[in-house]
Amino acid sequence: MNAIAPKPPFPIRALNHLGRGFASLGFKGKPLDAGQLIDEACRKFKLSDFGPGPFTEGMDALIESLENEAALTPLVRQMARADIIKALGVQLQVQDWFNRYPEIADEKIEAPLIIVGMPRTGTTILHELMQLDPDNRLPLTWEADAPCPPPETASYQSDPRIRAAAKELRFSHYLIPEVTKMHRMGEQLPQECIILTRHAFHSMVNSTIYRIPGYQHWLSHEADMAPIYRYHRRLLQLLQWRCPGKRWVLKSPGHLWHLNALLDEYPDAKLIQTHRDPLKIASSMASMLPTLRSMGSDDIRPLEIAREWADNNMEALDNSVVVRQSGRIAPEQIVDIQFSEFMADQAGAVKRIYDAFELPFSETFAESIRRYIASNPHDKDGGHKHRFEDSGLDYQTERKRCQSYQDYFGVTSEF
């Protein structure tokens, strides 16, 4: 069975065609040299202290994969350079704020709620619902992408970075309009931790945009995540310094690969793991990721993507089983939410989470959830339609592989 390759949207095809034209003339763009990029970032931001960064191991792994595996067009190479310099700039600016205001390091991050479900399991809408509780503090897209200067309560709804983030999202929608159907995005919607850790070159976001299996393998199996979660804490301290909340509510599928490191940094964290048939997850990602990859290269390889991420996902899910079986997570520290349960009664599912963690859940909050769901149905933007048979994966093989995870957590098969 062959996977179906999407036709990239016209703007992407046009940009890639232009890039091939430049390449035929011998212009491949500047090389991704770590030393040069660090020097360029220091000049651009007029700073030189990276603090615990610049996380050169992650940057080196990313650059090696981009150069040797990603088949970048010249224009996308320039985009990759800009992304790396931007990440280095965030590190420089964050450290500058800590240097000038050392009291930021005294900010307490206590008992954060962390959603650790896989993509396509309801984590995005659950995160959005948590935003409706005024006691909760969530990293929003605009501040996660550009955390400096640290946000302030007085200007939190009018910060100029909100407008800048909206402009970037409109451009992304123009390039790949189908993404809106696949994943909700908004400048003032909650954002994932993988955006925060991307500033330190440790993020699965990179692997969704570029064909870099070597980097993803390094990230999943070899990367030392302890300093990354310490940096993650520093970013939360900075974000809440002048704009506090009662508790953080965070989310990222990336945490499932690194649960032990996450708990080492946040031993008092309260975890929420969402569950869904892994084959539905694989089918959805096999449909979504080729579209995202089309931004970076003409060499999309949909079957390879489907295989790569089916494997990646099961590694993460299997790790969640191993960590549970080890006893590292106390029963009162985690709540499991089945996708079917959540979709049937979102307010009820959120109440179960709050009850488990002994948090107050008001009828006002419940009614806010119901109104939000009514105004934002899951198919509001047309819905993300996909079929497992289009992924190119073998049903029996994949079903057998995920059976132990399904049995352990009581996850039902959807087809």
Protein backbone atom coordinates (compact mmCIF):
# COMPACT_ATOMS: atom_id res chain seq x y z
CA MET A 1 0.00 0.00 0.00
CA ASN A 2 1.39 3.41 -0.93
CA ALA A 3 1.06 6.57 1.11
CA ILE A 4 -0.60 9.46 -0.65
CA ALA A 5 1.65 12.49 -1.12
CA PRO A 6 -0.11 15.84 -0.74
CA LYS A 7 0.26 18.47 -3.42
CA PRO A 8 1.97 21.42 -1.74
CA PRO A 9 -0.05 24.66 -1.83
CA PHE A 10 0.77 27.04 -4.67
CA PRO A 11 2.82 29.52 -2.58
CA ILE A 12 5.06 26.67 -1.41
CA ARG A 13 5.45 25.29 -4.94
CA ALA A 14 6.32 28.76 -6.20
CA LEU A 15 8.91 29.34 -3.48
CA ASN A 16 10.47 25.93 -3.99
CA HIS A 17 10.56 26.45 -7.76
CA LEU A 18 12.33 29.76 -7.22
CA GLY A 19 14.75 28.03 -4.86
CA ARG A 20 15.55 25.35 -7.43
CA GLY A 21 16.28 28.13 -9.92
CA PHE A 22 18.80 29.67 -7.55
CA ALA A 23 20.34 26.24 -6.90
CA SER A 24 20.77 25.61 -10.65
CA LEU A 25 22.80 28.82 -10.80
CA GLY A 26 25.06 27.55 -8.03
CA PHE A 27 23.52 29.56 -5.19
CA LYS A 28 22.76 27.28 -2.27
CA GLY A 29 22.75 29.87 0.48
CA LYS A 30 25.08 30.34 3.43
CA PRO A 31 26.23 27.18 5.23
CA LEU A 32 24.78 26.50 8.66
CA ASP A 33 27.98 26.96 10.64
CA ALA A 34 27.44 27.01 14.42
CA GLY A 35 30.29 29.39 15.18
CA GLN A 36 29.21 31.86 12.52
CA LEU A 37 25.60 31.72 13.67
CA ILE A 38 26.59 32.39 17.29
CA ASP A 39 28.75 35.34 16.21
CA GLU A 40 25.92 36.70 14.06
CA ALA A 41 23.42 36.42 16.92
CA CYS A 42 25.78 38.23 19.31
CA ARG A 43 26.23 41.06 16.81
CA LYS A 44 22.53 41.31 16.05
CA PHE A 45 21.39 41.44 19.67
CA LYS A 46 24.51 43.24 20.99
CA LEU A 47 24.86 40.68 23.76
CA SER A 48 27.36 37.89 24.44
CA ASP A 49 26.29 36.05 27.61
CA PHE A 50 24.22 32.96 26.82
CA GLY A 51 23.95 31.89 30.44
CA PRO A 52 23.42 28.11 30.60
CA GLY A 53 23.25 28.04 26.77
CA PRO A 54 23.92 28.19 23.89
CA PHE A 55 23.10 24.47 24.10
CA THR A 56 25.61 23.71 21.38
CA GLU A 57 24.98 19.95 21.50
CA GLY A 58 21.39 20.45 20.38
CA MET A 59 22.36 23.10 17.84
CA ASP A 60 25.09 20.85 16.41
CA ALA A 61 22.70 17.89 16.14
CA LEU A 62 20.10 20.07 14.42
CA ILE A 63 22.58 21.61 11.99
CA GLU A 64 24.09 18.23 11.09
CA SER A 65 20.66 16.83 10.21
CA LEU A 66 19.61 19.96 8.34
CA GLU A 67 22.76 19.85 6.22
CA ASN A 68 22.84 16.10 5.59
CA GLU A 69 19.22 14.93 5.65
CA ALA A 70 16.76 17.76 5.09
CA ALA A 71 17.27 18.50 1.37
CA LEU A 72 16.69 22.20 2.05
CA THR A 73 15.90 24.58 -0.75
CA PRO A 74 18.07 27.74 -0.73
CA LEU A 75 15.19 29.88 0.50
CA VAL A 76 14.30 27.46 3.30
CA ARG A 77 17.99 27.29 4.25
CA GLN A 78 17.76 31.02 4.90
CA MET A 79 14.64 30.42 6.98
CA ALA A 80 16.49 27.79 9.01
CA ARG A 81 19.37 30.23 9.58
CA ALA A 82 16.91 32.86 10.76
CA ASP A 83 15.25 30.37 13.13
CA ILE A 84 18.60 29.38 14.68
CA ILE A 85 19.67 33.00 15.12
CA LYS A 86 16.28 33.80 16.64
CA ALA A 87 16.67 30.97 19.17
CA LEU A 88 20.16 32.15 20.07
CA GLY A 89 18.78 35.65 20.44
CA VAL A 90 16.13 34.47 22.89
CA GLN A 91 18.84 32.80 24.98
CA LEU A 92 20.92 35.99 24.98
CA GLN A 93 17.98 38.18 25.94
CA VAL A 94 16.74 35.81 28.66
CA GLN A 95 20.16 35.76 30.29
CA ASP A 96 20.40 39.55 30.02
CA TRP A 97 17.16 39.90 31.98
CA PHE A 98 18.40 37.47 34.65
CA ASN A 99 21.70 39.36 34.86
CA ARG A 100 19.96 42.71 35.32
CA TYR A 101 17.22 41.42 37.61
CA PRO A 102 18.61 38.44 39.57
CA GLU A 103 15.45 38.35 41.67
CA ILE A 104 13.73 36.63 38.73
CA ALA A 105 15.53 33.44 39.79
CA ASP A 106 13.61 33.57 43.09
CA GLU A 107 10.25 33.11 41.35
CA LYS A 108 8.54 29.92 42.53
CA ILE A 109 7.09 27.40 40.07
CA GLU A 110 4.93 25.21 42.23
CA ALA A 111 2.80 22.16 41.38
CA PRO A 112 2.25 22.94 37.69
CA LEU A 113 -0.46 21.04 35.84
CA ILE A 114 1.16 19.41 32.82
CA ILE A 115 -0.77 17.76 29.99
CA VAL A 116 1.39 15.00 28.51
CA GLY A 117 -0.84 13.42 25.88
CA MET A 118 0.14 12.62 22.32
CA PRO A 119 -0.92 14.84 19.41
CA ARG A 120 -4.50 14.35 18.17
CA THR A 121 -5.75 13.15 21.57
CA GLY A 122 -7.63 16.29 22.60
CA THR A 123 -4.72 18.06 24.30
CA THR A 124 -5.13 21.32 22.39
CA ILE A 125 -8.78 21.88 23.24
CA LEU A 126 -8.17 20.71 26.83
CA HIS A 127 -5.41 23.30 27.15
CA GLU A 128 -7.75 25.97 25.77
CA LEU A 129 -10.44 25.01 28.26
CA MET A 130 -7.97 25.35 31.11
CA GLN A 131 -7.37 28.92 29.95
CA LEU A 132 -10.95 29.75 30.94
CA ASP A 133 -10.10 29.36 34.64
CA PRO A 134 -8.73 32.75 35.80
CA ASP A 135 -6.53 31.00 38.37
CA ASN A 136 -4.57 29.31 35.60
CA ARG A 137 -1.51 30.80 33.88
CA LEU A 138 -0.73 29.38 30.44
CA PRO A 139 2.05 30.37 28.01
CA LEU A 140 0.33 32.02 25.05
CA THR A 141 1.68 31.84 21.51
CA TRP A 142 2.95 35.41 21.37
CA GLU A 143 4.89 35.27 24.64
CA ALA A 144 6.22 31.74 24.16
CA ASP A 145 7.59 32.72 20.77
CA ALA A 146 9.11 36.00 22.00
CA PRO A 147 9.48 35.94 25.81
CA CYS A 148 11.61 39.10 26.05
CA PRO A 149 10.89 41.60 27.38
CA PRO A 150 8.91 39.68 30.00
CA PRO A 151 5.17 40.30 29.74
CA GLU A 152 3.39 42.57 32.21
CA THR A 153 -0.10 42.21 33.61
CA ALA A 154 -1.10 45.76 32.66
CA SER A 155 -0.31 45.28 28.95
CA TYR A 156 -0.93 41.53 28.66
CA GLN A 157 -3.89 41.97 26.31
CA SER A 158 -2.34 44.80 24.26
CA ASP A 159 1.34 43.91 23.98
CA PRO A 160 2.61 44.73 20.46
CA ARG A 161 3.98 41.19 20.14
CA ILE A 162 0.37 40.00 19.89
CA ARG A 163 -0.04 41.86 16.62
CA ALA A 164 3.33 40.61 15.36
CA ALA A 165 2.42 37.00 16.17
CA ALA A 166 -0.92 37.40 14.40
CA LYS A 167 0.89 38.63 11.29
CA GLU A 168 3.19 35.60 11.31
CA LEU A 169 0.25 33.24 11.70
CA ARG A 170 -1.57 34.87 8.79
CA PHE A 171 1.51 34.34 6.64
CA SER A 172 1.72 30.69 7.70
CA HIS A 173 -1.95 30.26 6.85
CA TYR A 174 -1.33 31.80 3.43
CA LEU A 175 1.51 29.36 2.77
CA ILE A 176 -0.26 26.24 4.11
CA PRO A 177 -3.98 26.94 4.59
CA GLU A 178 -4.73 23.26 5.29
CA VAL A 179 -2.90 23.48 8.62
CA THR A 180 -5.79 25.45 10.12
CA LYS A 181 -7.98 22.38 9.68
CA MET A 182 -5.35 20.18 11.28
CA HIS A 183 -4.30 22.22 14.31
CA ARG A 184 -5.83 25.30 15.92
CA MET A 185 -3.46 28.25 16.07
CA GLY A 186 -3.89 31.73 17.46
CA GLU A 187 -1.66 34.45 18.84
CA GLN A 188 -3.58 34.47 22.13
CA LEU A 189 -4.22 30.75 22.35
CA PRO A 190 -2.15 28.55 24.70
CA GLN A 191 1.12 27.29 23.30
CA GLU A 192 3.09 24.11 23.93
CA CYS A 193 6.29 23.66 25.90
CA ILE A 194 8.03 22.44 22.74
CA ILE A 195 8.03 26.08 21.59
CA LEU A 196 9.84 27.07 24.79
CA THR A 197 12.42 24.28 24.50
CA ARG A 198 12.88 25.02 20.80
CA HIS A 199 14.74 28.13 21.92
CA ALA A 200 17.29 25.68 23.36
CA PHE A 201 17.37 23.46 20.24
CA HIS A 202 15.58 20.57 21.95
CA SER A 203 12.16 20.27 20.35
CA MET A 204 10.15 17.91 18.17
CA VAL A 205 8.84 20.98 16.34
CA ASN A 206 12.00 20.90 14.26
CA SER A 207 11.31 17.32 13.18
CA THR A 208 7.78 18.12 12.08
CA ILE A 209 8.97 20.90 9.77
CA TYR A 210 12.18 19.35 8.39
CA ARG A 211 13.22 15.85 7.37
CA ILE A 212 15.81 15.32 10.12
CA PRO A 213 15.46 11.75 11.48
CA GLY A 214 18.99 11.84 12.90
CA TYR A 215 18.15 14.85 15.04
CA GLN A 216 14.87 13.29 16.23
CA HIS A 217 16.68 10.06 17.20
CA TRP A 218 19.25 12.09 19.13
CA LEU A 219 16.50 14.10 20.84
CA SER A 220 14.52 10.99 21.84
CA HIS A 221 17.40 8.73 22.88
CA GLU A 222 20.61 10.65 23.55
CA ALA A 223 19.89 14.23 24.59
CA ASP A 224 20.50 15.20 28.21
CA MET A 225 17.21 16.85 29.11
CA ALA A 226 18.13 17.93 32.64
CA PRO A 227 19.61 21.31 31.60
CA ILE A 228 16.75 21.79 29.16
CA TYR A 229 14.11 21.45 31.86
CA ARG A 230 16.13 23.80 34.07
CA TYR A 231 16.01 26.29 31.20
CA HIS A 232 12.30 25.58 30.80
CA ARG A 233 11.85 26.59 34.45
CA ARG A 234 13.84 29.81 33.86
CA LEU A 235 11.51 30.75 31.01
CA LEU A 236 8.46 30.20 33.22
CA GLN A 237 10.05 32.31 35.95
CA LEU A 238 10.64 35.10 33.45
CA LEU A 239 7.11 34.92 32.03
CA GLN A 240 5.43 35.05 35.43
CA TRP A 241 7.75 37.63 37.02
CA ARG A 242 5.62 40.63 36.04
CA CYS A 243 2.53 38.69 35.00
CA PRO A 244 1.82 36.04 37.64
CA GLY A 245 -0.93 33.46 37.93
CA LYS A 246 -1.95 31.05 40.65
CA ARG A 247 -0.60 27.98 38.83
CA TRP A 248 0.90 27.06 35.50
CA VAL A 249 -0.95 24.78 33.09
CA LEU A 250 1.44 23.40 30.49
CA LYS A 251 1.29 20.84 27.72
CA SER A 252 3.49 19.03 25.25
CA PRO A 253 3.62 15.57 23.70
CA GLY A 254 7.39 15.89 23.88
CA HIS A 255 7.32 15.31 27.64
CA LEU A 256 6.28 11.66 27.10
CA TRP A 257 9.77 10.80 25.83
CA HIS A 258 11.35 12.41 28.90
CA LEU A 259 8.99 11.86 31.83
CA ASN A 260 11.78 11.07 34.29
CA ALA A 261 13.69 14.25 33.45
CA LEU A 262 10.46 16.27 33.64
CA LEU A 263 9.72 14.90 37.11
CA ASP A 264 13.30 15.47 38.25
CA GLU A 265 12.79 19.19 37.59
CA TYR A 266 9.15 19.35 38.68
CA PRO A 267 8.69 16.62 41.34
CA ASP A 268 5.43 18.21 42.52
CA ALA A 269 3.90 18.39 39.03
CA LYS A 270 0.34 17.17 38.50
CA LEU A 271 0.12 15.25 35.24
CA ILE A 272 -2.76 14.70 32.86
CA GLN A 273 -2.25 12.01 30.24
CA THR A 274 -4.75 11.88 27.41
CA HIS A 275 -5.22 8.60 25.54
CA ARG A 276 -6.51 7.62 22.12
CA ASP A 277 -6.19 4.71 19.72
CA PRO A 278 -2.56 5.00 18.53
CA LEU A 279 -3.60 4.10 14.98
CA LYS A 280 -5.84 7.16 14.83
CA ILE A 281 -2.89 9.24 16.01
CA ALA A 282 -0.64 7.66 13.38
CA SER A 283 -3.21 8.19 10.65
CA SER A 284 -3.69 11.84 11.54
CA MET A 285 0.02 12.60 11.74
CA ALA A 286 0.70 10.72 8.49
CA SER A 287 -1.77 13.10 6.88
CA MET A 288 -0.66 16.28 8.62
CA LEU A 289 3.15 16.12 8.60
CA PRO A 290 3.70 15.85 4.83
CA THR A 291 1.83 19.14 4.50
CA LEU A 292 4.08 20.75 7.10
CA ARG A 293 7.20 19.27 5.52
CA SER A 294 6.22 20.75 2.17
CA MET A 295 7.29 24.14 3.55
CA GLY A 296 10.90 23.01 3.79
CA SER A 297 11.53 20.77 0.81
CA ASP A 298 10.12 19.15 -2.31
CA ASP A 299 11.43 15.81 -0.97
CA ILE A 300 8.42 14.97 1.20
CA ARG A 301 8.39 11.11 1.34
CA PRO A 302 4.99 10.54 2.96
CA LEU A 303 5.47 6.80 3.61
CA GLU A 304 8.77 7.48 5.36
CA ILE A 305 7.06 10.14 7.48
CA ALA A 306 4.24 7.76 8.40
CA ARG A 307 6.73 5.05 9.39
CA GLU A 308 9.03 7.42 11.26
CA TRP A 309 6.28 8.95 13.38
CA ALA A 310 4.43 5.70 14.03
CA ASP A 311 7.71 4.48 15.52
CA ASN A 312 8.36 7.73 17.39
CA ASN A 313 4.88 7.76 18.87
CA MET A 314 5.04 4.20 20.10
CA GLU A 315 8.42 4.86 21.72
CA ALA A 316 6.84 7.68 23.69
CA LEU A 317 3.75 5.69 24.63
CA ASP A 318 5.82 2.65 25.61
CA ASN A 319 7.98 4.92 27.77
CA SER A 320 4.88 6.17 29.55
CA VAL A 321 4.02 2.57 30.42
CA VAL A 322 7.54 1.86 31.69
CA VAL A 323 7.56 4.97 33.88
CA ARG A 324 4.14 4.11 35.32
CA GLN A 325 5.18 0.55 36.04
CA SER A 326 8.31 1.81 37.79
CA GLY A 327 6.19 3.60 40.38
CA ARG A 328 7.86 6.93 39.65
CA ILE A 329 4.47 8.63 39.35
CA ALA A 330 2.20 8.36 42.38
CA PRO A 331 -1.44 7.52 41.56
CA GLU A 332 -2.60 10.80 43.10
CA GLN A 333 -0.15 12.70 40.87
CA ILE A 334 -1.72 11.81 37.52
CA VAL A 335 -5.12 11.63 35.85
CA ASP A 336 -5.80 9.58 32.71
CA ILE A 337 -8.38 10.91 30.26
CA GLN A 338 -9.67 8.79 27.39
CA PHE A 339 -10.38 10.68 24.16
CA SER A 340 -13.88 9.24 23.90
CA GLU A 341 -14.67 10.31 27.47
CA PHE A 342 -13.37 13.81 26.84
CA MET A 343 -15.25 14.32 23.58
CA ALA A 344 -18.50 13.12 25.16
CA ASP A 345 -18.34 15.55 28.11
CA GLN A 346 -15.53 18.10 28.17
CA ALA A 347 -16.79 19.89 31.28
CA GLY A 348 -17.13 16.56 33.09
CA ALA A 349 -13.62 15.52 32.13
CA VAL A 350 -12.14 18.81 33.35
CA LYS A 351 -14.11 18.49 36.60
CA ARG A 352 -12.66 15.02 37.11
CA ILE A 353 -9.16 16.48 36.73
CA TYR A 354 -9.91 19.26 39.21
CA ASP A 355 -11.48 16.85 41.69
CA ALA A 356 -8.49 14.50 41.49
CA PHE A 357 -6.11 17.34 42.29
CA GLU A 358 -8.44 18.91 44.88
CA LEU A 359 -8.86 22.14 42.94
CA PRO A 360 -12.06 24.22 43.14
CA PHE A 361 -14.35 23.73 40.15
CA SER A 362 -17.20 26.21 39.95
CA GLU A 363 -20.42 26.08 37.98
CA THR A 364 -19.31 29.35 36.36
CA PHE A 365 -16.20 27.58 35.04
CA ALA A 366 -18.32 24.65 33.84
CA GLU A 367 -20.66 26.98 31.99
CA SER A 368 -17.68 28.78 30.41
CA ILE A 369 -16.46 25.42 29.13
CA ARG A 370 -19.85 24.57 27.63
CA ARG A 371 -20.10 27.96 25.91
CA TYR A 372 -16.57 27.65 24.56
CA ILE A 373 -17.23 24.19 23.13
CA ALA A 374 -20.45 25.41 21.50
CA SER A 375 -18.57 28.29 19.88
CA ASN A 376 -15.55 26.20 18.86
CA PRO A 377 -16.69 22.79 17.58
CA HIS A 378 -13.90 20.44 16.57
CA ASP A 379 -14.83 20.79 12.90
CA LYS A 380 -15.13 24.59 12.99
CA ASP A 381 -12.44 25.05 10.34
CA GLY A 382 -13.60 22.15 8.19
CA GLY A 383 -12.09 19.37 10.24
CA HIS A 384 -9.01 17.29 9.54
CA LYS A 385 -10.13 14.34 7.43
CA HIS A 386 -7.78 11.38 7.08
CA ARG A 387 -7.89 7.61 6.52
CA PHE A 388 -5.51 5.02 7.93
CA GLU A 389 -5.36 3.22 4.59
CA ASP A 390 -3.85 6.34 3.02
CA SER A 391 -0.91 6.26 5.43
CA GLY A 392 0.78 3.27 3.78
CA LEU A 393 1.13 1.52 7.15
CA ASP A 394 0.11 -2.10 7.66
CA TYR A 395 -2.90 -2.31 9.96
CA GLN A 396 -2.15 -5.70 11.56
CA THR A 397 1.48 -4.82 12.24
CA GLU A 398 0.65 -1.50 13.85
CA ARG A 399 -2.28 -2.87 15.86
CA LYS A 400 -0.10 -5.63 17.29
CA ARG A 401 2.63 -3.17 18.19
CA CYS A 402 0.39 -0.86 20.21
CA GLN A 403 -1.59 -3.60 21.96
CA SER A 404 0.45 -3.59 25.18
CA TYR A 405 -0.06 0.17 25.59
CA GLN A 406 -3.78 -0.18 24.89
CA ASP A 407 -4.12 -3.02 27.35
CA TYR A 408 -2.25 -1.20 30.11
CA PHE A 409 -4.32 1.99 29.87
CA GLY A 410 -7.58 0.47 28.66
CA VAL A 411 -7.50 2.34 25.34
CA THR A 412 -10.10 1.06 22.89
CA SER A 413 -9.52 0.62 19.16
CA GLU A 414 -11.50 3.06 17.01
CA PHE A 415 -11.49 0.88 13.87
